[in-house]
């Protein structure tokens, strides 16, 4: 076999293993659960999505 063919085979194997690792990581961490939720999130009330303490207080921002 040619050296270039061996190098391409090894590189292809490494890329495959890398993407397989990312795929397994995604499954284990739940990245593929409820993929339909993201498109409906924009219809939710924005006040429900904010956590307490992140809403700016206009009184504190006023400086005289």
PDB file of N, CA and C in Angstrom:
ATOM      1  N   UNK A   1       0.834  -1.186   0.000  1.00  0.00           N
ATOM      2  CA  UNK A   1       0.000   0.000   0.000  1.00  0.00           C
ATOM      3  C   UNK A   1       0.876   1.246   0.000  1.00  0.00           C
ATOM      4  N   UNK A   2       0.317   2.276  -0.537  1.00  0.00           N
ATOM      5  CA  UNK A   2       1.003   3.552  -0.615  1.00  0.00           C
ATOM      6  C   UNK A   2       0.975   4.246   0.756  1.00  0.00           C
ATOM      7  N   UNK A   3       1.980   5.068   1.055  1.00  0.00           N
ATOM      8  CA  UNK A   3       2.033   5.774   2.344  1.00  0.00           C
ATOM      9  C   UNK A   3       0.877   6.752   2.499  1.00  0.00           C
ATOM     10  N   UNK A   4       0.476   7.380   1.409  1.00  0.00           N
ATOM     11  CA  UNK A   4      -0.631   8.332   1.468  1.00  0.00           C
ATOM     12  C   UNK A   4      -1.937   7.617   1.819  1.00  0.00           C
ATOM     13  N   UNK A   5      -2.143   6.431   1.299  1.00  0.00           N
ATOM     14  CA  UNK A   5      -3.356   5.667   1.591  1.00  0.00           C
ATOM     15  C   UNK A   5      -3.398   5.271   3.066  1.00  0.00           C
ATOM     16  N   UNK A   6      -2.262   4.883   3.602  1.00  0.00           N
ATOM     17  CA  UNK A   6      -2.193   4.514   5.023  1.00  0.00           C
ATOM     18  C   UNK A   6      -2.466   5.740   5.890  1.00  0.00           C
ATOM     19  N   UNK A   7      -1.891   6.886   5.532  1.00  0.00           N
ATOM     20  CA  UNK A   7      -2.103   8.109   6.297  1.00  0.00           C
ATOM     21  C   UNK A   7      -3.568   8.537   6.247  1.00  0.00           C
ATOM     22  N   UNK A   8      -4.199   8.435   5.078  1.00  0.00           N
ATOM     23  CA  UNK A   8      -5.609   8.788   4.955  1.00  0.00           C
ATOM     24  C   UNK A   8      -6.490   7.843   5.762  1.00  0.00           C
ATOM     25  N   UNK A   9      -6.154   6.573   5.786  1.00  0.00           N
ATOM     26  CA  UNK A   9      -6.929   5.595   6.558  1.00  0.00           C
ATOM     27  C   UNK A   9      -6.834   5.890   8.050  1.00  0.00           C
ATOM     28  N   UNK A  10      -5.649   6.202   8.511  1.00  0.00           N
ATOM     29  CA  UNK A  10      -5.458   6.519   9.935  1.00  0.00           C
ATOM     30  C   UNK A  10      -6.194   7.806  10.292  1.00  0.00           C
ATOM     31  N   UNK A  11      -6.075   8.827   9.450  1.00  0.00           N
ATOM     32  CA  UNK A  11      -6.750  10.090   9.701  1.00  0.00           C
ATOM     33  C   UNK A  11      -8.274   9.922   9.699  1.00  0.00           C
ATOM     34  N   UNK A  12      -8.784   9.131   8.763  1.00  0.00           N
ATOM     35  CA  UNK A  12     -10.222   8.862   8.716  1.00  0.00           C
ATOM     36  C   UNK A  12     -10.671   8.146   9.977  1.00  0.00           C
ATOM     37  N   UNK A  13      -9.899   7.207  10.449  1.00  0.00           N
ATOM     38  CA  UNK A  13     -10.240   6.496  11.685  1.00  0.00           C
ATOM     39  C   UNK A  13     -10.247   7.417  12.891  1.00  0.00           C
ATOM     40  N   UNK A  14      -9.269   8.320  12.965  1.00  0.00           N
ATOM     41  CA  UNK A  14      -9.226   9.267  14.076  1.00  0.00           C
ATOM     42  C   UNK A  14     -10.414  10.231  14.054  1.00  0.00           C
ATOM     43  N   UNK A  15     -10.774  10.700  12.872  1.00  0.00           N
ATOM     44  CA  UNK A  15     -11.934  11.596  12.762  1.00  0.00           C
ATOM     45  C   UNK A  15     -13.210  10.859  13.140  1.00  0.00           C
ATOM     46  N   UNK A  16     -13.350   9.611  12.704  1.00  0.00           N
ATOM     47  CA  UNK A  16     -14.529   8.812  13.045  1.00  0.00           C
ATOM     48  C   UNK A  16     -14.630   8.599  14.554  1.00  0.00           C
ATOM     49  N   UNK A  17     -13.518   8.274  15.191  1.00  0.00           N
ATOM     50  CA  UNK A  17     -13.515   8.055  16.644  1.00  0.00           C
ATOM     51  C   UNK A  17     -13.859   9.349  17.385  1.00  0.00           C
ATOM     52  N   UNK A  18     -13.353  10.490  16.887  1.00  0.00           N
ATOM     53  CA  UNK A  18     -13.663  11.771  17.507  1.00  0.00           C
ATOM     54  C   UNK A  18     -15.158  12.065  17.442  1.00  0.00           C
ATOM     55  N   UNK A  19     -15.755  11.941  16.265  1.00  0.00           N
ATOM     56  CA  UNK A  19     -17.179  12.216  16.132  1.00  0.00           C
ATOM     57  C   UNK A  19     -18.030  11.194  16.877  1.00  0.00           C
ATOM     58  N   UNK A  20     -17.598   9.963  16.940  1.00  0.00           N
ATOM     59  CA  UNK A  20     -18.313   8.952  17.719  1.00  0.00           C
ATOM     60  C   UNK A  20     -18.274   9.311  19.201  1.00  0.00           C
ATOM     61  N   UNK A  21     -17.133   9.801  19.664  1.00  0.00           N
ATOM     62  CA  UNK A  21     -17.027  10.239  21.054  1.00  0.00           C
ATOM     63  C   UNK A  21     -17.949  11.410  21.359  1.00  0.00           C
ATOM     64  N   UNK A  22     -18.015  12.383  20.452  1.00  0.00           N
ATOM     65  CA  UNK A  22     -18.933  13.506  20.651  1.00  0.00           C
ATOM     66  C   UNK A  22     -20.389  13.045  20.630  1.00  0.00           C
ATOM     67  N   UNK A  23     -20.720  12.100  19.775  1.00  0.00           N
ATOM     68  CA  UNK A  23     -22.087  11.580  19.705  1.00  0.00           C
ATOM     69  C   UNK A  23     -22.461  10.862  20.997  1.00  0.00           C
ATOM     70  N   UNK A  24     -21.580  10.042  21.513  1.00  0.00           N
ATOM     71  CA  UNK A  24     -21.846   9.329  22.773  1.00  0.00           C
ATOM     72  C   UNK A  24     -21.954  10.323  23.919  1.00  0.00           C
ATOM     73  N   UNK A  25     -21.089  11.340  23.944  1.00  0.00           N
ATOM     74  CA  UNK A  25     -21.168  12.374  24.978  1.00  0.00           C
ATOM     75  C   UNK A  25     -22.516  13.097  24.911  1.00  0.00           C
ATOM     76  N   UNK A  26     -22.979  13.405  23.702  1.00  0.00           N
ATOM     77  CA  UNK A  26     -24.260  14.083  23.537  1.00  0.00           C
ATOM     78  C   UNK A  26     -25.421  13.246  24.023  1.00  0.00           C
ATOM     79  N   UNK A  27     -25.375  11.966  23.782  1.00  0.00           N
ATOM     80  CA  UNK A  27     -26.446  11.091  24.258  1.00  0.00           C
ATOM     81  C   UNK A  27     -26.424  10.996  25.775  1.00  0.00           C
ATOM     82  N   UNK A  28     -25.242  10.843  26.355  1.00  0.00           N
ATOM     83  CA  UNK A  28     -25.142  10.698  27.811  1.00  0.00           C
ATOM     84  C   UNK A  28     -25.550  11.963  28.552  1.00  0.00           C
ATOM     85  N   UNK A  29     -25.284  13.142  27.988  1.00  0.00           N
ATOM     86  CA  UNK A  29     -25.614  14.392  28.674  1.00  0.00           C
ATOM     87  C   UNK A  29     -27.009  14.893  28.331  1.00  0.00           C
ATOM     88  N   UNK A  30     -27.744  14.186  27.485  1.00  0.00           N
ATOM     89  CA  UNK A  30     -29.123  14.542  27.185  1.00  0.00           C
ATOM     90  C   UNK A  30     -29.267  15.652  26.164  1.00  0.00           C
ATOM     91  N   UNK A  31     -28.321  15.832  25.289  1.00  0.00           N
ATOM     92  CA  UNK A  31     -28.391  16.896  24.300  1.00  0.00           C
ATOM     93  C   UNK A  31     -29.476  16.643  23.256  1.00  0.00           C
ATOM     94  N   UNK A  32     -29.898  15.400  23.092  1.00  0.00           N
ATOM     95  CA  UNK A  32     -30.880  15.065  22.066  1.00  0.00           C
ATOM     96  C   UNK A  32     -32.271  14.852  22.641  1.00  0.00           C
ATOM     97  N   UNK A  33     -32.470  15.166  23.903  1.00  0.00           N
ATOM     98  CA  UNK A  33     -33.786  15.039  24.512  1.00  0.00           C
ATOM     99  C   UNK A  33     -34.591  16.296  24.226  1.00  0.00           C
ATOM    100  N   UNK A  34     -35.830  16.114  23.894  1.00  0.00           N
ATOM    101  CA  UNK A  34     -36.786  17.199  23.700  1.00  0.00           C
ATOM    102  C   UNK A  34     -36.251  18.277  22.759  1.00  0.00           C
ATOM    103  N   UNK A  35     -35.911  17.881  21.556  1.00  0.00           N
ATOM    104  CA  UNK A  35     -35.360  18.825  20.590  1.00  0.00           C
ATOM    105  C   UNK A  35     -36.423  19.772  20.049  1.00  0.00           C
ATOM    106  N   UNK A  36     -37.690  19.471  20.247  1.00  0.00           N
ATOM    107  CA  UNK A  36     -38.767  20.327  19.771  1.00  0.00           C
ATOM    108  C   UNK A  36     -39.020  21.514  20.687  1.00  0.00           C
ATOM    109  N   UNK A  37     -38.497  21.507  21.905  1.00  0.00           N
ATOM    110  CA  UNK A  37     -38.785  22.567  22.870  1.00  0.00           C
ATOM    111  C   UNK A  37     -38.223  23.913  22.426  1.00  0.00           C
ATOM    112  N   UNK A  38     -37.102  23.931  21.773  1.00  0.00           N
ATOM    113  CA  UNK A  38     -36.425  25.187  21.442  1.00  0.00           C
ATOM    114  C   UNK A  38     -37.280  26.086  20.555  1.00  0.00           C
ATOM    115  N   UNK A  39     -38.007  25.524  19.620  1.00  0.00           N
ATOM    116  CA  UNK A  39     -38.798  26.371  18.733  1.00  0.00           C
ATOM    117  C   UNK A  39     -40.038  26.937  19.414  1.00  0.00           C
ATOM    118  N   UNK A  40     -40.481  26.339  20.508  1.00  0.00           N
ATOM    119  CA  UNK A  40     -41.626  26.866  21.238  1.00  0.00           C
ATOM    120  C   UNK A  40     -41.210  27.797  22.371  1.00  0.00           C
ATOM    121  N   UNK A  41     -39.943  27.831  22.694  1.00  0.00           N
ATOM    122  CA  UNK A  41     -39.461  28.664  23.791  1.00  0.00           C
ATOM    123  C   UNK A  41     -39.664  30.150  23.509  1.00  0.00           C
ATOM    124  N   UNK A  42     -39.628  30.548  22.235  1.00  0.00           N
ATOM    125  CA  UNK A  42     -39.808  31.957  21.903  1.00  0.00           C
ATOM    126  C   UNK A  42     -41.237  32.431  22.156  1.00  0.00           C
ATOM    127  N   UNK A  43     -42.179  31.516  22.264  1.00  0.00           N
ATOM    128  CA  UNK A  43     -43.561  31.888  22.518  1.00  0.00           C
ATOM    129  C   UNK A  43     -43.867  32.024  24.005  1.00  0.00           C
ATOM    130  N   UNK A  44     -42.971  31.562  24.856  1.00  0.00           N
ATOM    131  CA  UNK A  44     -43.181  31.656  26.296  1.00  0.00           C
ATOM    132  C   UNK A  44     -43.078  33.095  26.761  1.00  0.00           C
ATOM    133  N   UNK A  45     -43.664  33.351  27.910  1.00  0.00           N
ATOM    134  CA  UNK A  45     -43.588  34.670  28.516  1.00  0.00           C
ATOM    135  C   UNK A  45     -42.151  34.925  28.956  1.00  0.00           C
ATOM    136  N   UNK A  46     -41.623  36.056  28.609  1.00  0.00           N
ATOM    137  CA  UNK A  46     -40.216  36.354  28.908  1.00  0.00           C
ATOM    138  C   UNK A  46     -39.966  36.472  30.405  1.00  0.00           C
ATOM    139  N   UNK A  47     -40.979  36.901  31.185  1.00  0.00           N
ATOM    140  CA  UNK A  47     -40.794  37.038  32.628  1.00  0.00           C
ATOM    141  C   UNK A  47     -40.594  35.687  33.299  1.00  0.00           C
ATOM    142  N   UNK A  48     -41.171  34.635  32.755  1.00  0.00           N
ATOM    143  CA  UNK A  48     -40.995  33.314  33.342  1.00  0.00           C
ATOM    144  C   UNK A  48     -39.586  32.776  33.119  1.00  0.00           C
ATOM    145  N   UNK A  49     -38.945  33.220  32.042  1.00  0.00           N
ATOM    146  CA  UNK A  49     -37.625  32.703  31.714  1.00  0.00           C
ATOM    147  C   UNK A  49     -36.510  33.381  32.502  1.00  0.00           C
ATOM    148  N   UNK A  50     -36.754  34.588  33.015  1.00  0.00           N
ATOM    149  CA  UNK A  50     -35.719  35.304  33.751  1.00  0.00           C
ATOM    150  C   UNK A  50     -35.620  34.755  35.167  1.00  0.00           C
ATOM    151  N   UNK A  51     -34.433  34.702  35.658  1.00  0.00           N
ATOM    152  CA  UNK A  51     -34.231  34.265  37.027  1.00  0.00           C
ATOM    153  C   UNK A  51     -34.274  35.479  37.938  1.00  0.00           C
ATOM    154  N   UNK A  52     -34.647  35.304  39.192  1.00  0.00           N
ATOM    155  CA  UNK A  52     -34.684  36.444  40.103  1.00  0.00           C
ATOM    156  C   UNK A  52     -33.314  37.100  40.234  1.00  0.00           C
ATOM    157  N   UNK A  53     -33.329  38.410  40.261  1.00  0.00           N
ATOM    158  CA  UNK A  53     -32.073  39.137  40.411  1.00  0.00           C
ATOM    159  C   UNK A  53     -31.475  39.581  39.103  1.00  0.00           C
ATOM    160  N   UNK A  54     -32.004  39.124  37.966  1.00  0.00           N
ATOM    161  CA  UNK A  54     -31.435  39.525  36.687  1.00  0.00           C
ATOM    162  C   UNK A  54     -32.193  40.678  36.053  1.00  0.00           C
ATOM    163  N   UNK A  55     -33.365  41.030  36.598  1.00  0.00           N
ATOM    164  CA  UNK A  55     -34.133  42.135  36.057  1.00  0.00           C
ATOM    165  C   UNK A  55     -33.517  43.435  36.578  1.00  0.00           C
ATOM    166  N   UNK A  56     -33.104  44.332  35.684  1.00  0.00           N
ATOM    167  CA  UNK A  56     -32.455  45.564  36.140  1.00  0.00           C
ATOM    168  C   UNK A  56     -33.436  46.457  36.881  1.00  0.00           C
ATOM    169  N   UNK A  57     -32.929  47.119  37.879  1.00  0.00           N
ATOM    170  CA  UNK A  57     -33.721  48.039  38.678  1.00  0.00           C
ATOM    171  C   UNK A  57     -33.416  49.453  38.189  1.00  0.00           C
ATOM    172  N   UNK A  58     -34.409  50.134  37.554  1.00  0.00           N
ATOM    173  CA  UNK A  58     -34.112  51.469  37.002  1.00  0.00           C
ATOM    174  C   UNK A  58     -33.802  52.514  38.086  1.00  0.00           C
ATOM    175  N   UNK A  59     -34.294  52.317  39.330  1.00  0.00           N
ATOM    176  CA  UNK A  59     -34.020  53.279  40.380  1.00  0.00           C
ATOM    177  C   UNK A  59     -32.543  53.298  40.766  1.00  0.00           C
ATOM    178  N   UNK A  60     -31.911  52.151  40.728  1.00  0.00           N
ATOM    179  CA  UNK A  60     -30.491  52.077  41.092  1.00  0.00           C
ATOM    180  C   UNK A  60     -29.597  52.660  40.001  1.00  0.00           C
ATOM    181  N   UNK A  61     -30.085  52.667  38.750  1.00  0.00           N
ATOM    182  CA  UNK A  61     -29.267  53.160  37.660  1.00  0.00           C
ATOM    183  C   UNK A  61     -29.302  54.679  37.551  1.00  0.00           C
ATOM    184  N   UNK A  62     -30.269  55.318  38.168  1.00  0.00           N
ATOM    185  CA  UNK A  62     -30.352  56.776  38.100  1.00  0.00           C
ATOM    186  C   UNK A  62     -29.326  57.396  39.050  1.00  0.00           C
ATOM    187  N   UNK A  63     -28.483  58.249  38.492  1.00  0.00           N
ATOM    188  CA  UNK A  63     -27.499  58.954  39.299  1.00  0.00           C
ATOM    189  C   UNK A  63     -27.639  60.435  39.037  1.00  0.00           C
ATOM    190  N   UNK A  64     -27.693  61.182  40.118  1.00  0.00           N
ATOM    191  CA  UNK A  64     -27.865  62.639  39.975  1.00  0.00           C
ATOM    192  C   UNK A  64     -26.549  63.341  40.240  1.00  0.00           C
TER     193      UNK A  64
END
